C-alpha atoms as a PDB file:
ATOM      1  CA  MET A   1      -3.162  -6.535  25.751  1.00  0.00           C
ATOM      2  CA  THR A   2      -6.454  -5.732  23.996  1.00  0.00           C
ATOM      3  CA  ASP A   3      -7.529  -7.128  20.638  1.00  0.00           C
ATOM      4  CA  ARG A   4      -7.066  -3.675  19.107  1.00  0.00           C
ATOM      5  CA  TYR A   5      -3.382  -3.488  20.047  1.00  0.00           C
ATOM      6  CA  VAL A   6      -2.848  -7.060  18.897  1.00  0.00           C
ATOM      7  CA  GLY A   7      -4.467  -6.145  15.571  1.00  0.00           C
ATOM      8  CA  VAL A   8      -2.185  -3.125  15.212  1.00  0.00           C
ATOM      9  CA  LEU A   9       0.848  -5.316  15.849  1.00  0.00           C
ATOM     10  CA  TYR A  10      -0.357  -7.788  13.227  1.00  0.00           C
ATOM     11  CA  GLY A  11      -0.851  -4.931  10.759  1.00  0.00           C
ATOM     12  CA  VAL A  12       2.606  -3.462  11.323  1.00  0.00           C
ATOM     13  CA  ALA A  13       4.139  -6.940  11.100  1.00  0.00           C
ATOM     14  CA  SER A  14       2.356  -7.576   7.783  1.00  0.00           C
ATOM     15  CA  ALA A  15       3.733  -4.317   6.341  1.00  0.00           C
ATOM     16  CA  LEU A  16       7.214  -5.313   7.497  1.00  0.00           C
ATOM     17  CA  ALA A  17       6.817  -8.759   5.896  1.00  0.00           C
ATOM     18  CA  PHE A  18       5.775  -7.211   2.567  1.00  0.00           C
ATOM     19  CA  SER A  19       8.722  -4.792   2.689  1.00  0.00           C
ATOM     20  CA  LEU A  20      11.227  -7.509   3.543  1.00  0.00           C
ATOM     21  CA  ALA A  21       9.829  -9.617   0.700  1.00  0.00           C
ATOM     22  CA  ALA A  22      10.568  -6.816  -1.778  1.00  0.00           C
ATOM     23  CA  LEU A  23      14.069  -6.518  -0.298  1.00  0.00           C
ATOM     24  CA  MET A  24      14.658 -10.259  -0.752  1.00  0.00           C
ATOM     25  CA  TYR A  25      13.467 -10.097  -4.363  1.00  0.00           C
ATOM     26  CA  LYS A  26      15.812  -7.196  -5.092  1.00  0.00           C
ATOM     27  CA  LYS A  27      18.793  -9.018  -3.572  1.00  0.00           C
ATOM     28  CA  GLY A  28      17.968 -12.224  -5.419  1.00  0.00           C
ATOM     29  CA  PHE A  29      17.496 -10.928  -8.929  1.00  0.00           C
ATOM     30  CA  SER A  30      20.251 -10.731 -11.494  1.00  0.00           C
ATOM     31  CA  LYS A  31      20.140  -9.950 -15.195  1.00  0.00           C
ATOM     32  CA  LYS A  32      20.434 -13.627 -16.139  1.00  0.00           C
ATOM     33  CA  LEU A  33      17.896 -15.096 -13.731  1.00  0.00           C
ATOM     34  CA  ASP A  34      14.725 -16.348 -15.431  1.00  0.00           C
ATOM     35  CA  VAL A  35      11.796 -14.392 -13.950  1.00  0.00           C
ATOM     36  CA  PHE A  36       9.273 -17.129 -14.791  1.00  0.00           C
ATOM     37  CA  LEU A  37      11.397 -19.734 -13.025  1.00  0.00           C
ATOM     38  CA  ALA A  38      11.810 -17.531  -9.966  1.00  0.00           C
ATOM     39  CA  ASN A  39       8.082 -16.774  -9.905  1.00  0.00           C
ATOM     40  CA  GLY A  40       7.195 -20.456  -9.733  1.00  0.00           C
ATOM     41  CA  LEU A  41       9.814 -21.661  -7.272  1.00  0.00           C
ATOM     42  CA  ARG A  42       8.613 -19.346  -4.506  1.00  0.00           C
ATOM     43  CA  ALA A  43       5.083 -20.817  -4.618  1.00  0.00           C
ATOM     44  CA  ALA A  44       5.599 -24.263  -3.037  1.00  0.00           C
ATOM     45  CA  PRO A  45       6.985 -23.152   0.378  1.00  0.00           C
ATOM     46  CA  THR A  46       4.259 -20.520   0.576  1.00  0.00           C
ATOM     47  CA  PHE A  47       1.586 -23.086  -0.220  1.00  0.00           C
ATOM     48  CA  LEU A  48       2.809 -25.321   2.622  1.00  0.00           C
ATOM     49  CA  LEU A  49       2.655 -22.431   5.122  1.00  0.00           C
ATOM     50  CA  LEU A  50      -0.882 -21.482   4.103  1.00  0.00           C
ATOM     51  CA  LEU A  51      -1.962 -25.130   4.158  1.00  0.00           C
ATOM     52  CA  VAL A  52      -0.788 -25.469   7.774  1.00  0.00           C
ATOM     53  CA  VAL A  53      -2.638 -22.284   8.802  1.00  0.00           C
ATOM     54  CA  SER A  54      -5.828 -23.223   6.944  1.00  0.00           C
ATOM     55  CA  THR A  55      -5.797 -26.714   8.455  1.00  0.00           C
ATOM     56  CA  ALA A  56      -5.195 -25.301  11.943  1.00  0.00           C
ATOM     57  CA  ILE A  57      -8.232 -22.995  11.758  1.00  0.00           C
ATOM     58  CA  GLY A  58     -10.345 -25.761  10.209  1.00  0.00           C
ATOM     59  CA  THR A  59     -11.328 -24.111   6.922  1.00  0.00           C
ATOM     60  CA  VAL A  60      -9.296 -26.046   4.351  1.00  0.00           C
ATOM     61  CA  GLY A  61     -12.498 -27.742   3.126  1.00  0.00           C
ATOM     62  CA  GLU A  62     -13.454 -24.531   1.311  1.00  0.00           C
ATOM     63  CA  LEU A  63     -11.108 -25.528  -1.510  1.00  0.00           C
ATOM     64  CA  CYS A  64     -13.724 -28.026  -2.669  1.00  0.00           C
ATOM     65  CA  LYS A  65     -15.889 -25.186  -4.031  1.00  0.00           C
ATOM     66  CA  ALA A  66     -15.595 -24.757  -7.798  1.00  0.00           C
ATOM     67  CA  GLU A  67     -16.227 -21.007  -7.567  1.00  0.00           C
ATOM     68  CA  ILE A  68     -13.143 -20.554  -5.389  1.00  0.00           C
ATOM     69  CA  MET A  69     -10.902 -22.322  -7.869  1.00  0.00           C
ATOM     70  CA  ILE A  70     -12.235 -20.307 -10.822  1.00  0.00           C
ATOM     71  CA  TYR A  71     -11.768 -16.900  -9.196  1.00  0.00           C
ATOM     72  CA  ALA A  72      -8.480 -18.010  -7.625  1.00  0.00           C
ATOM     73  CA  PHE A  73      -7.132 -18.841 -11.083  1.00  0.00           C
ATOM     74  CA  LEU A  74      -8.215 -15.505 -12.568  1.00  0.00           C
ATOM     75  CA  SER A  75      -6.729 -13.645  -9.594  1.00  0.00           C
ATOM     76  CA  LEU A  76      -3.563 -15.732  -9.878  1.00  0.00           C
ATOM     77  CA  PHE A  77      -3.176 -14.972 -13.581  1.00  0.00           C
ATOM     78  CA  PHE A  78      -3.348 -11.185 -13.234  1.00  0.00           C
ATOM     79  CA  ASP A  79      -1.621 -10.937  -9.842  1.00  0.00           C
ATOM     80  CA  LEU A  80       1.051 -13.596  -9.394  1.00  0.00           C
ATOM     81  CA  ILE A  81       1.808 -14.321 -13.060  1.00  0.00           C
ATOM     82  CA  LEU A  82       1.450 -11.025 -14.961  1.00  0.00           C
ATOM     83  CA  GLY A  83       1.799  -8.553 -12.078  1.00  0.00           C
ATOM     84  CA  ASP A  84       4.674 -10.246 -10.259  1.00  0.00           C
ATOM     85  CA  THR A  85       6.558 -10.946 -13.493  1.00  0.00           C
ATOM     86  CA  PHE A  86       6.565  -7.237 -14.337  1.00  0.00           C
ATOM     87  CA  PHE A  87       7.477  -6.462 -10.715  1.00  0.00           C
ATOM     88  CA  PHE A  88      10.537  -8.678 -10.975  1.00  0.00           C
ATOM     89  CA  LEU A  89      11.476  -6.975 -14.245  1.00  0.00           C
ATOM     90  CA  ALA A  90      11.043  -3.592 -12.548  1.00  0.00           C
ATOM     91  CA  LEU A  91      13.438  -4.641  -9.776  1.00  0.00           C
ATOM     92  CA  ARG A  92      16.014  -5.475 -12.434  1.00  0.00           C
ATOM     93  CA  GLU A  93      15.858  -2.020 -13.954  1.00  0.00           C
ATOM     94  CA  SER A  94      15.122   0.347 -11.049  1.00  0.00           C
ATOM     95  CA  PRO A  95      16.109   0.802  -7.409  1.00  0.00           C
ATOM     96  CA  LEU A  96      13.788  -0.817  -4.869  1.00  0.00           C
ATOM     97  CA  SER A  97      13.072   2.629  -3.424  1.00  0.00           C
ATOM     98  CA  ILE A  98      11.378   3.586  -6.732  1.00  0.00           C
ATOM     99  CA  ALA A  99       9.980   0.292  -8.051  1.00  0.00           C
ATOM    100  CA  TYR A 100       8.103  -0.729  -4.908  1.00  0.00           C
ATOM    101  CA  PRO A 101       6.217   2.496  -4.095  1.00  0.00           C
ATOM    102  CA  VAL A 102       5.053   2.844  -7.714  1.00  0.00           C
ATOM    103  CA  ALA A 103       3.983  -0.813  -7.902  1.00  0.00           C
ATOM    104  CA  TYR A 104       2.223  -0.492  -4.552  1.00  0.00           C
ATOM    105  CA  SER A 105      -0.065   2.180  -6.016  1.00  0.00           C
ATOM    106  CA  PHE A 106      -2.101  -0.769  -7.343  1.00  0.00           C
ATOM    107  CA  SER A 107      -4.815   0.091  -4.823  1.00  0.00           C
ATOM    108  CA  LEU A 108      -5.624   3.134  -6.955  1.00  0.00           C
ATOM    109  CA  PHE A 109      -6.173   0.953 -10.023  1.00  0.00           C
ATOM    110  CA  ALA A 110      -8.168  -1.481  -7.891  1.00  0.00           C
ATOM    111  CA  VAL A 111     -10.599   1.311  -7.010  1.00  0.00           C
ATOM    112  CA  ILE A 112     -10.871   2.374 -10.664  1.00  0.00           C
ATOM    113  CA  PHE A 113     -11.595  -1.181 -11.819  1.00  0.00           C
ATOM    114  CA  SER A 114     -14.051  -1.627  -8.953  1.00  0.00           C
ATOM    115  CA  PHE A 115     -15.881   1.473 -10.175  1.00  0.00           C
ATOM    116  CA  LEU A 116     -15.968   0.184 -13.768  1.00  0.00           C
ATOM    117  CA  PHE A 117     -16.940  -3.435 -13.093  1.00  0.00           C
ATOM    118  CA  LEU A 118     -18.380  -3.628  -9.553  1.00  0.00           C
ATOM    119  CA  ASN A 119     -20.245  -0.293  -9.519  1.00  0.00           C
ATOM    120  CA  GLU A 120     -18.348   0.977  -6.481  1.00  0.00           C
ATOM    121  CA  PRO A 121     -18.420   4.787  -6.058  1.00  0.00           C
ATOM    122  CA  ILE A 122     -15.709   7.303  -7.000  1.00  0.00           C
ATOM    123  CA  THR A 123     -14.707   9.429  -4.005  1.00  0.00           C
ATOM    124  CA  VAL A 124     -12.810  12.672  -3.498  1.00  0.00           C
ATOM    125  CA  HIS A 125      -9.977  10.616  -2.010  1.00  0.00           C
ATOM    126  CA  LEU A 126      -9.706   8.724  -5.303  1.00  0.00           C
ATOM    127  CA  LEU A 127      -9.470  11.890  -7.393  1.00  0.00           C
ATOM    128  CA  ILE A 128      -6.793  13.353  -5.111  1.00  0.00           C
ATOM    129  CA  SER A 129      -4.949  10.011  -5.175  1.00  0.00           C
ATOM    130  CA  MET A 130      -4.936   9.981  -8.971  1.00  0.00           C
ATOM    131  CA  ALA A 131      -3.448  13.474  -9.060  1.00  0.00           C
ATOM    132  CA  ALA A 132      -0.824  12.586  -6.431  1.00  0.00           C
ATOM    133  CA  LEU A 133       0.150   9.406  -8.288  1.00  0.00           C
ATOM    134  CA  VAL A 134       0.538  11.074 -11.686  1.00  0.00           C
ATOM    135  CA  LEU A 135       2.497  13.991 -10.231  1.00  0.00           C
ATOM    136  CA  GLY A 136       4.656  11.666  -8.126  1.00  0.00           C
ATOM    137  CA  VAL A 137       5.584   9.416 -11.060  1.00  0.00           C
ATOM    138  CA  TYR A 138       6.420  12.473 -13.184  1.00  0.00           C
ATOM    139  CA  ILE A 139       8.690  13.933 -10.469  1.00  0.00           C
ATOM    140  CA  ILE A 140      10.430  10.569 -10.007  1.00  0.00           C
ATOM    141  CA  TYR A 141      11.183  10.486 -13.718  1.00  0.00           C
ATOM    142  CA  ARG A 142      12.375  14.101 -13.892  1.00  0.00           C
ATOM    143  CA  GLY A 143      14.505  13.770 -10.773  1.00  0.00           C
ATOM    144  CA  SER A 144      16.306  10.576 -11.749  1.00  0.00           C
ATOM    145  CA  ASN A 145      19.714  10.063 -13.282  1.00  0.00           C
ATOM    146  CA  GLU A 146      20.791   7.368 -15.727  1.00  0.00           C
ATOM    147  CA  GLU A 147      23.162   5.694 -13.276  1.00  0.00           C
ATOM    148  CA  SER A 148      20.408   4.621 -10.865  1.00  0.00           C
ATOM    149  CA  PHE A 149      17.300   4.687 -13.014  1.00  0.00           C
ATOM    150  CA  ARG A 150      15.893   3.452 -16.311  1.00  0.00           C
ATOM    151  CA  LEU A 151      12.611   4.565 -17.779  1.00  0.00           C
ATOM    152  CA  LYS A 152      11.499   1.035 -18.591  1.00  0.00           C
ATOM    153  CA  GLY A 153      11.902   0.144 -14.909  1.00  0.00           C
ATOM    154  CA  LEU A 154       9.305   2.774 -14.061  1.00  0.00           C
ATOM    155  CA  PHE A 155       7.130   1.475 -16.901  1.00  0.00           C
ATOM    156  CA  TYR A 156       7.361  -2.094 -15.533  1.00  0.00           C
ATOM    157  CA  SER A 157       6.395  -0.821 -12.077  1.00  0.00           C
ATOM    158  CA  PHE A 158       3.393   0.944 -13.562  1.00  0.00           C
ATOM    159  CA  LEU A 159       2.309  -2.246 -15.363  1.00  0.00           C
ATOM    160  CA  THR A 160       2.722  -4.128 -12.089  1.00  0.00           C
ATOM    161  CA  ALA A 161       0.316  -1.733 -10.380  1.00  0.00           C
ATOM    162  CA  LEU A 162      -2.119  -2.079 -13.281  1.00  0.00           C
ATOM    163  CA  PHE A 163      -2.199  -5.883 -13.176  1.00  0.00           C
ATOM    164  CA  TRP A 164      -2.178  -6.102  -9.380  1.00  0.00           C
ATOM    165  CA  GLY A 165      -5.088  -3.663  -9.327  1.00  0.00           C
ATOM    166  CA  SER A 166      -7.080  -5.590 -11.931  1.00  0.00           C
ATOM    167  CA  SER A 167      -6.597  -8.832  -9.996  1.00  0.00           C
ATOM    168  CA  VAL A 168      -8.460  -7.298  -7.043  1.00  0.00           C
ATOM    169  CA  ILE A 169     -11.720  -7.597  -9.003  1.00  0.00           C
ATOM    170  CA  PHE A 170     -11.425 -11.392  -9.129  1.00  0.00           C
ATOM    171  CA  THR A 171     -10.085 -11.549  -5.592  1.00  0.00           C
ATOM    172  CA  LYS A 172     -13.110  -9.654  -4.288  1.00  0.00           C
ATOM    173  CA  MET A 173     -15.460 -12.011  -6.127  1.00  0.00           C
ATOM    174  CA  GLY A 174     -13.592 -15.035  -4.804  1.00  0.00           C
ATOM    175  CA  LEU A 175     -13.926 -13.757  -1.243  1.00  0.00           C
ATOM    176  CA  TYR A 176     -17.675 -14.249  -1.479  1.00  0.00           C
ATOM    177  CA  TYR A 177     -16.922 -17.961  -1.290  1.00  0.00           C
ATOM    178  CA  ALA A 178     -13.754 -18.231   0.843  1.00  0.00           C
ATOM    179  CA  ILE A 179     -11.767 -16.476   3.539  1.00  0.00           C
ATOM    180  CA  PRO A 180      -8.581 -14.693   2.324  1.00  0.00           C
ATOM    181  CA  ILE A 181      -6.182 -17.384   3.523  1.00  0.00           C
ATOM    182  CA  ASN A 182      -7.951 -20.123   1.591  1.00  0.00           C
ATOM    183  CA  LEU A 183      -8.204 -18.033  -1.563  1.00  0.00           C
ATOM    184  CA  ASN A 184      -4.455 -17.446  -1.382  1.00  0.00           C
ATOM    185  CA  LEU A 185      -3.968 -21.142  -0.631  1.00  0.00           C
ATOM    186  CA  ALA A 186      -5.787 -22.009  -3.856  1.00  0.00           C
ATOM    187  CA  ARG A 187      -3.710 -19.496  -5.808  1.00  0.00           C
ATOM    188  CA  THR A 188      -0.355 -20.795  -4.553  1.00  0.00           C
ATOM    189  CA  LEU A 189      -1.480 -24.392  -5.147  1.00  0.00           C
ATOM    190  CA  MET A 190      -2.243 -23.600  -8.786  1.00  0.00           C
ATOM    191  CA  LEU A 191       0.969 -21.631  -9.252  1.00  0.00           C
ATOM    192  CA  SER A 192       2.974 -24.543  -7.807  1.00  0.00           C
ATOM    193  CA  ILE A 193       1.319 -27.001 -10.199  1.00  0.00           C
ATOM    194  CA  LEU A 194       1.616 -24.738 -13.259  1.00  0.00           C
ATOM    195  CA  SER A 195       5.269 -23.897 -12.640  1.00  0.00           C
ATOM    196  CA  ALA A 196       6.477 -27.420 -11.787  1.00  0.00           C
ATOM    197  CA  PRO A 197       7.021 -28.610 -15.402  1.00  0.00           C
ATOM    198  CA  TYR A 198       8.965 -25.450 -16.292  1.00  0.00           C
ATOM    199  CA  ALA A 199      11.097 -25.693 -13.137  1.00  0.00           C
ATOM    200  CA  LEU A 200      11.900 -29.301 -14.046  1.00  0.00           C
ATOM    201  CA  TYR A 201      12.823 -28.241 -17.588  1.00  0.00           C
ATOM    202  CA  ARG A 202      15.133 -25.472 -16.280  1.00  0.00           C
ATOM    203  CA  ARG A 203      16.586 -27.534 -13.446  1.00  0.00           C
ATOM    204  CA  GLU A 204      20.146 -26.732 -14.519  1.00  0.00           C
ATOM    205  CA  GLN A 205      19.512 -23.024 -13.968  1.00  0.00           C
ATOM    206  CA  VAL A 206      18.030 -23.840 -10.569  1.00  0.00           C
ATOM    207  CA  LYS A 207      21.403 -25.349  -9.626  1.00  0.00           C
ATOM    208  CA  SER A 208      23.511 -22.536 -11.082  1.00  0.00           C
ATOM    209  CA  PHE A 209      21.466 -19.758  -9.421  1.00  0.00           C
ATOM    210  CA  LYS A 210      20.937 -21.540  -6.099  1.00  0.00           C
ATOM    211  CA  GLY A 211      22.407 -18.590  -4.157  1.00  0.00           C
ATOM    212  CA  SER A 212      20.041 -16.065  -5.768  1.00  0.00           C
ATOM    213  CA  LEU A 213      16.985 -18.287  -5.653  1.00  0.00           C
ATOM    214  CA  LYS A 214      17.139 -18.641  -1.871  1.00  0.00           C
ATOM    215  CA  TYR A 215      16.322 -14.925  -1.646  1.00  0.00           C
ATOM    216  CA  ILE A 216      13.440 -15.356  -4.101  1.00  0.00           C
ATOM    217  CA  VAL A 217      11.994 -18.256  -2.103  1.00  0.00           C
ATOM    218  CA  ALA A 218      12.381 -16.270   1.131  1.00  0.00           C
ATOM    219  CA  GLY A 219      10.636 -13.310  -0.517  1.00  0.00           C
ATOM    220  CA  GLY A 220       7.744 -15.524  -1.595  1.00  0.00           C
ATOM    221  CA  PHE A 221       7.427 -16.956   1.899  1.00  0.00           C
ATOM    222  CA  LEU A 222       7.248 -13.444   3.370  1.00  0.00           C
ATOM    223  CA  GLY A 223       5.220 -11.679   0.673  1.00  0.00           C
ATOM    224  CA  MET A 224       2.814 -14.408  -0.461  1.00  0.00           C
ATOM    225  CA  GLY A 225       2.517 -16.383   2.773  1.00  0.00           C
ATOM    226  CA  LEU A 226       3.382 -14.714   6.074  1.00  0.00           C
ATOM    227  CA  GLY A 227       2.401 -11.157   5.040  1.00  0.00           C
ATOM    228  CA  PRO A 228      -1.160 -12.019   3.932  1.00  0.00           C
ATOM    229  CA  VAL A 229      -1.672 -14.251   6.986  1.00  0.00           C
ATOM    230  CA  LEU A 230      -0.636 -11.434   9.349  1.00  0.00           C
ATOM    231  CA  PHE A 231      -2.817  -8.988   7.402  1.00  0.00           C
ATOM    232  CA  TYR A 232      -5.787 -11.355   7.701  1.00  0.00           C
ATOM    233  CA  PHE A 233      -5.404 -11.537  11.505  1.00  0.00           C
ATOM    234  CA  SER A 234      -5.084  -7.751  11.600  1.00  0.00           C
ATOM    235  CA  VAL A 235      -8.414  -7.450   9.742  1.00  0.00           C
ATOM    236  CA  VAL A 236     -10.009  -9.838  12.239  1.00  0.00           C
ATOM    237  CA  ASN A 237      -8.881  -7.703  15.190  1.00  0.00           C
ATOM    238  CA  VAL A 238      -9.163  -4.092  13.962  1.00  0.00           C
ATOM    239  CA  GLY A 239     -11.259  -4.250  10.788  1.00  0.00           C
ATOM    240  CA  ALA A 240     -10.409  -3.977   7.098  1.00  0.00           C
ATOM    241  CA  SER A 241     -10.031  -0.191   6.914  1.00  0.00           C
ATOM    242  CA  ARG A 242      -7.561   0.138   9.804  1.00  0.00           C
ATOM    243  CA  ALA A 243      -5.638  -2.937   8.661  1.00  0.00           C
ATOM    244  CA  SER A 244      -5.347  -1.469   5.150  1.00  0.00           C
ATOM    245  CA  VAL A 245      -3.949   1.791   6.504  1.00  0.00           C
ATOM    246  CA  LEU A 246      -1.326  -0.122   8.495  1.00  0.00           C
ATOM    247  CA  ALA A 247      -0.401  -2.234   5.462  1.00  0.00           C
ATOM    248  CA  SER A 248      -0.047   0.905   3.339  1.00  0.00           C
ATOM    249  CA  SER A 249       3.078   1.752   5.353  1.00  0.00           C
ATOM    250  CA  ALA A 250       4.946  -0.995   3.459  1.00  0.00           C
ATOM    251  CA  PRO A 251       6.357   1.394   0.773  1.00  0.00           C
ATOM    252  CA  ILE A 252       7.722   3.647   3.521  1.00  0.00           C
ATOM    253  CA  LEU A 253       9.432   0.700   5.186  1.00  0.00           C
ATOM    254  CA  SER A 254      10.830  -0.419   1.819  1.00  0.00           C
ATOM    255  CA  LEU A 255      12.280   3.056   1.333  1.00  0.00           C
ATOM    256  CA  VAL A 256      14.052   2.834   4.705  1.00  0.00           C
ATOM    257  CA  LEU A 257      15.292  -0.709   4.029  1.00  0.00           C
ATOM    258  CA  ALA A 258      16.540   0.205   0.544  1.00  0.00           C
ATOM    259  CA  SER A 259      18.535   3.092   1.960  1.00  0.00           C
ATOM    260  CA  ALA A 260      19.858   1.276   5.043  1.00  0.00           C
ATOM    261  CA  ILE A 261      20.592  -2.191   3.636  1.00  0.00           C
ATOM    262  CA  LEU A 262      20.960  -1.795  -0.130  1.00  0.00           C
ATOM    263  CA  ARG A 263      22.660   1.616   0.191  1.00  0.00           C
ATOM    264  CA  GLU A 264      20.458   3.096  -2.517  1.00  0.00           C
ATOM    265  CA  LYS A 265      20.984   6.815  -2.985  1.00  0.00           C
ATOM    266  CA  ILE A 266      17.787   8.786  -3.463  1.00  0.00           C
ATOM    267  CA  GLN A 267      17.778  12.152  -5.208  1.00  0.00           C
ATOM    268  CA  ARG A 268      15.818  14.981  -3.593  1.00  0.00           C
ATOM    269  CA  LYS A 269      13.276  15.160  -6.431  1.00  0.00           C
ATOM    270  CA  GLN A 270      12.945  11.381  -6.392  1.00  0.00           C
ATOM    271  CA  LEU A 271      12.148  11.475  -2.686  1.00  0.00           C
ATOM    272  CA  ILE A 272       9.408  14.074  -3.254  1.00  0.00           C
ATOM    273  CA  GLY A 273       7.901  11.916  -6.008  1.00  0.00           C
ATOM    274  CA  ILE A 274       8.078   8.764  -3.877  1.00  0.00           C
ATOM    275  CA  VAL A 275       6.330  10.538  -0.998  1.00  0.00           C
ATOM    276  CA  LEU A 276       3.528  11.624  -3.368  1.00  0.00           C
ATOM    277  CA  VAL A 277       3.099   8.044  -4.631  1.00  0.00           C
ATOM    278  CA  ILE A 278       2.960   6.746  -1.046  1.00  0.00           C
ATOM    279  CA  LEU A 279       0.458   9.488  -0.200  1.00  0.00           C
ATOM    280  CA  SER A 280      -1.783   8.332  -3.059  1.00  0.00           C
ATOM    281  CA  THR A 281      -1.754   4.803  -1.607  1.00  0.00           C
ATOM    282  CA  TYR A 282      -2.534   6.078   1.896  1.00  0.00           C
ATOM    283  CA  LEU A 283      -5.488   8.189   0.686  1.00  0.00           C
ATOM    284  CA  ILE A 284      -7.031   5.135  -0.965  1.00  0.00           C
ATOM    285  CA  SER A 285      -6.546   3.139   2.247  1.00  0.00           C
ATOM    286  CA  ILE A 286      -8.455   5.641   4.403  1.00  0.00           C
ATOM    287  CA  SER A 287     -11.264   6.263   1.893  1.00  0.00           C
END
């Protein structure tokens, strides 16, 4: 099997890992579960996985660079703290089939912020993506019913995309000093340290929601650990552009999983809107 086919398999596997992570988060969240507690508890197992991988490839020493830790913290703050917190809130209020595709449009905001702060060019693909995203979100809203949808869930998903997109600026700057795995290793290390005191303080809730939290931890392992590692190996084998296109299939897989496993019913107009949002993500990936 050639490196190209291996890279494609890694890319598809990474998209599946990201989709399964979203599914685990949806199954694990309840109205009473503390989103900050859940956000922190998923970090430690992920950190251990990334530490093993980084040690195996012999690059763990990169963590000694001060620049990595600075940009890792800024990326962590906008991505894993702000972005993921709003993502968890979105999953509380909206079906996975809506929340995830809208949140995954963060690549559009990443391009906009890259244009504003990193002087990267605006392309025709970006303009078409913006139109597709706006139209898709509007159709999702107009085609939804109150039983399966709440407006603030869509708003939380939109904020998720905004914060995830803004974090890309700091991630890109951090990648001047470290490979992706080590940058993510630094981020999960910091999140584990920052969340430990709060987890200790809320230890009674950890016991009472043990059944739900196992899904959250599994989601973190898949979405913060295994998914990025598989994506990194896909980039190594087929390049960043092809790997990004493969990873952009994650919202489509989440749509299938939400329908097959969670039994979410999708209205016809909602489906059209979701497809437009996914299309906006795909256009950014191939630009």
